[in-house]
């Protein structure tokens, strides 16, 4: 069974969207989803997230992402992990504008997966 680390915002409205996407795209994978926690536990949370990335087979980016997610993506690719970015209306604009993400193609570690048709420009 493949293990997957889910990279996304932990805001409640985003977390719900991510859950709906995972219901569609996840089949038999073991899913690791980071949990929010109080700022006092930041070191333990980061250690747990790093452990999840280090021990997963792939990192999937779902929904909105920000600086924390960008760091997780870079960390995973630095470890040689495959990264799949699921693109929809919640993250399309950010993904298209973030030229650093596209460097992963050169490394052969990054895959973009369209979840919905791209709107006409």
C-alpha atoms as a PDB file:
ATOM      1  CA  UNK A   1       0.000   0.000   0.000  1.00  0.00           C
ATOM      2  CA  UNK A   2       1.340   3.397  -1.017  1.00  0.00           C
ATOM      3  CA  UNK A   3       1.546   6.050   1.721  1.00  0.00           C
ATOM      4  CA  UNK A   4       0.672   9.639   0.859  1.00  0.00           C
ATOM      5  CA  UNK A   5       1.409  12.880   2.695  1.00  0.00           C
ATOM      6  CA  UNK A   6      -1.301  15.474   1.983  1.00  0.00           C
ATOM      7  CA  UNK A   7      -0.037  19.017   1.623  1.00  0.00           C
ATOM      8  CA  UNK A   8      -2.685  21.754   1.915  1.00  0.00           C
ATOM      9  CA  UNK A   9      -3.866  24.625   4.018  1.00  0.00           C
ATOM     10  CA  UNK A  10      -5.292  23.578   7.380  1.00  0.00           C
ATOM     11  CA  UNK A  11      -7.964  26.282   7.455  1.00  0.00           C
ATOM     12  CA  UNK A  12     -11.338  24.596   8.163  1.00  0.00           C
ATOM     13  CA  UNK A  13     -12.974  25.570   4.843  1.00  0.00           C
ATOM     14  CA  UNK A  14      -9.953  24.324   2.883  1.00  0.00           C
ATOM     15  CA  UNK A  15      -9.723  21.133   4.949  1.00  0.00           C
ATOM     16  CA  UNK A  16     -13.332  20.303   3.995  1.00  0.00           C
ATOM     17  CA  UNK A  17     -12.579  20.893   0.291  1.00  0.00           C
ATOM     18  CA  UNK A  18      -9.496  18.683   0.510  1.00  0.00           C
ATOM     19  CA  UNK A  19     -11.585  15.918   2.068  1.00  0.00           C
ATOM     20  CA  UNK A  20     -14.019  16.045  -0.876  1.00  0.00           C
ATOM     21  CA  UNK A  21     -11.157  15.866  -3.403  1.00  0.00           C
ATOM     22  CA  UNK A  22      -9.537  12.942  -1.580  1.00  0.00           C
ATOM     23  CA  UNK A  23     -12.843  11.072  -1.695  1.00  0.00           C
ATOM     24  CA  UNK A  24     -12.491  11.179  -5.498  1.00  0.00           C
ATOM     25  CA  UNK A  25      -8.750  10.682  -6.099  1.00  0.00           C
ATOM     26  CA  UNK A  26      -7.618   8.420  -3.231  1.00  0.00           C
ATOM     27  CA  UNK A  27      -8.162   4.698  -3.745  1.00  0.00           C
ATOM     28  CA  UNK A  28      -6.124   2.285  -1.602  1.00  0.00           C
ATOM     29  CA  UNK A  29      -3.456   4.681  -0.362  1.00  0.00           C
ATOM     30  CA  UNK A  30      -2.599   5.218   3.289  1.00  0.00           C
ATOM     31  CA  UNK A  31      -3.232   8.933   3.800  1.00  0.00           C
ATOM     32  CA  UNK A  32      -1.276  11.107   6.246  1.00  0.00           C
ATOM     33  CA  UNK A  33      -2.894  14.490   6.877  1.00  0.00           C
ATOM     34  CA  UNK A  34      -1.180  16.978   9.156  1.00  0.00           C
ATOM     35  CA  UNK A  35      -3.326  18.338  11.963  1.00  0.00           C
ATOM     36  CA  UNK A  36      -3.422  21.933  13.177  1.00  0.00           C
ATOM     37  CA  UNK A  37      -2.183  22.628  16.651  1.00  0.00           C
ATOM     38  CA  UNK A  38      -1.419  25.472  19.039  1.00  0.00           C
ATOM     39  CA  UNK A  39       1.591  27.649  18.348  1.00  0.00           C
ATOM     40  CA  UNK A  40       3.163  26.384  21.589  1.00  0.00           C
ATOM     41  CA  UNK A  41       3.499  22.954  19.952  1.00  0.00           C
ATOM     42  CA  UNK A  42       5.068  24.239  16.728  1.00  0.00           C
ATOM     43  CA  UNK A  43       8.296  22.203  17.078  1.00  0.00           C
ATOM     44  CA  UNK A  44       6.402  18.963  17.670  1.00  0.00           C
ATOM     45  CA  UNK A  45       4.075  19.693  14.737  1.00  0.00           C
ATOM     46  CA  UNK A  46       6.984  20.411  12.390  1.00  0.00           C
ATOM     47  CA  UNK A  47       8.779  17.258  13.539  1.00  0.00           C
ATOM     48  CA  UNK A  48       5.622  15.218  12.910  1.00  0.00           C
ATOM     49  CA  UNK A  49       5.128  16.762   9.450  1.00  0.00           C
ATOM     50  CA  UNK A  50       8.768  16.141   8.503  1.00  0.00           C
ATOM     51  CA  UNK A  51       8.453  12.534   9.666  1.00  0.00           C
ATOM     52  CA  UNK A  52       5.366  12.128   7.467  1.00  0.00           C
ATOM     53  CA  UNK A  53       7.162  13.550   4.434  1.00  0.00           C
ATOM     54  CA  UNK A  54      10.283  11.467   5.064  1.00  0.00           C
ATOM     55  CA  UNK A  55       8.281   8.235   5.327  1.00  0.00           C
ATOM     56  CA  UNK A  56       5.670   8.753   2.600  1.00  0.00           C
ATOM     57  CA  UNK A  57       5.910   7.360  -0.908  1.00  0.00           C
ATOM     58  CA  UNK A  58       4.427  10.491  -2.497  1.00  0.00           C
ATOM     59  CA  UNK A  59       3.346  13.989  -1.496  1.00  0.00           C
ATOM     60  CA  UNK A  60       0.018  15.210  -2.886  1.00  0.00           C
ATOM     61  CA  UNK A  61      -0.851  18.906  -2.976  1.00  0.00           C
ATOM     62  CA  UNK A  62      -4.604  19.472  -2.780  1.00  0.00           C
ATOM     63  CA  UNK A  63      -6.487  22.764  -2.589  1.00  0.00           C
ATOM     64  CA  UNK A  64      -5.081  26.110  -1.573  1.00  0.00           C
ATOM     65  CA  UNK A  65      -1.430  26.259  -0.680  1.00  0.00           C
ATOM     66  CA  UNK A  66       0.907  28.819   0.787  1.00  0.00           C
ATOM     67  CA  UNK A  67       4.444  29.210   2.084  1.00  0.00           C
ATOM     68  CA  UNK A  68       4.300  26.195   4.407  1.00  0.00           C
ATOM     69  CA  UNK A  69       3.156  24.009   1.527  1.00  0.00           C
ATOM     70  CA  UNK A  70       5.880  25.370  -0.742  1.00  0.00           C
ATOM     71  CA  UNK A  71       8.450  24.391   1.883  1.00  0.00           C
ATOM     72  CA  UNK A  72       6.941  20.893   2.191  1.00  0.00           C
ATOM     73  CA  UNK A  73       6.996  20.477  -1.606  1.00  0.00           C
ATOM     74  CA  UNK A  74      10.657  21.512  -1.767  1.00  0.00           C
ATOM     75  CA  UNK A  75      11.568  19.260   1.153  1.00  0.00           C
ATOM     76  CA  UNK A  76       9.840  16.275  -0.448  1.00  0.00           C
ATOM     77  CA  UNK A  77      11.512  16.855  -3.833  1.00  0.00           C
ATOM     78  CA  UNK A  78      14.855  17.298  -2.076  1.00  0.00           C
ATOM     79  CA  UNK A  79      14.334  13.814  -0.623  1.00  0.00           C
ATOM     80  CA  UNK A  80      13.563  12.488  -4.112  1.00  0.00           C
ATOM     81  CA  UNK A  81       9.835  12.042  -3.417  1.00  0.00           C
ATOM     82  CA  UNK A  82       7.262  12.215  -6.222  1.00  0.00           C
ATOM     83  CA  UNK A  83       4.972  15.256  -5.860  1.00  0.00           C
ATOM     84  CA  UNK A  84       1.518  15.406  -7.444  1.00  0.00           C
ATOM     85  CA  UNK A  85      -0.297  18.730  -7.534  1.00  0.00           C
ATOM     86  CA  UNK A  86      -4.048  18.373  -8.042  1.00  0.00           C
ATOM     87  CA  UNK A  87      -5.188  21.561  -9.793  1.00  0.00           C
ATOM     88  CA  UNK A  88      -8.663  23.058  -9.466  1.00  0.00           C
ATOM     89  CA  UNK A  89     -10.199  26.502  -9.102  1.00  0.00           C
ATOM     90  CA  UNK A  90      -8.910  26.831  -5.520  1.00  0.00           C
ATOM     91  CA  UNK A  91      -5.217  26.721  -6.435  1.00  0.00           C
ATOM     92  CA  UNK A  92      -4.910  27.163 -10.228  1.00  0.00           C
ATOM     93  CA  UNK A  93      -3.868  30.820 -10.136  1.00  0.00           C
ATOM     94  CA  UNK A  94      -1.168  30.254  -7.515  1.00  0.00           C
ATOM     95  CA  UNK A  95       0.226  27.140  -9.233  1.00  0.00           C
ATOM     96  CA  UNK A  96       0.395  28.836 -12.644  1.00  0.00           C
ATOM     97  CA  UNK A  97       2.228  31.866 -11.218  1.00  0.00           C
ATOM     98  CA  UNK A  98       4.723  29.980  -9.022  1.00  0.00           C
ATOM     99  CA  UNK A  99       7.618  29.393 -11.408  1.00  0.00           C
ATOM    100  CA  UNK A 100       9.613  27.597  -8.701  1.00  0.00           C
ATOM    101  CA  UNK A 101       7.084  24.738  -8.662  1.00  0.00           C
ATOM    102  CA  UNK A 102       7.648  24.155 -12.351  1.00  0.00           C
ATOM    103  CA  UNK A 103      11.334  23.367 -11.770  1.00  0.00           C
ATOM    104  CA  UNK A 104      10.175  20.007 -10.411  1.00  0.00           C
ATOM    105  CA  UNK A 105       9.390  18.971 -13.992  1.00  0.00           C
ATOM    106  CA  UNK A 106      13.082  19.251 -14.845  1.00  0.00           C
ATOM    107  CA  UNK A 107      13.857  16.942 -11.927  1.00  0.00           C
ATOM    108  CA  UNK A 108      11.191  14.460 -13.043  1.00  0.00           C
ATOM    109  CA  UNK A 109       9.552  14.600  -9.612  1.00  0.00           C
ATOM    110  CA  UNK A 110       6.528  16.798 -10.243  1.00  0.00           C
ATOM    111  CA  UNK A 111       3.202  15.977 -11.863  1.00  0.00           C
ATOM    112  CA  UNK A 112       0.241  18.308 -12.372  1.00  0.00           C
ATOM    113  CA  UNK A 113      -3.183  16.658 -12.431  1.00  0.00           C
ATOM    114  CA  UNK A 114      -6.184  18.664 -13.643  1.00  0.00           C
ATOM    115  CA  UNK A 115      -9.289  18.007 -11.552  1.00  0.00           C
ATOM    116  CA  UNK A 116     -11.530  20.272 -13.576  1.00  0.00           C
ATOM    117  CA  UNK A 117     -11.454  21.861 -16.984  1.00  0.00           C
ATOM    118  CA  UNK A 118      -9.338  25.004 -17.158  1.00  0.00           C
ATOM    119  CA  UNK A 119     -11.543  28.056 -17.745  1.00  0.00           C
ATOM    120  CA  UNK A 120     -11.158  29.843 -21.093  1.00  0.00           C
ATOM    121  CA  UNK A 121      -8.876  32.836 -20.901  1.00  0.00           C
END
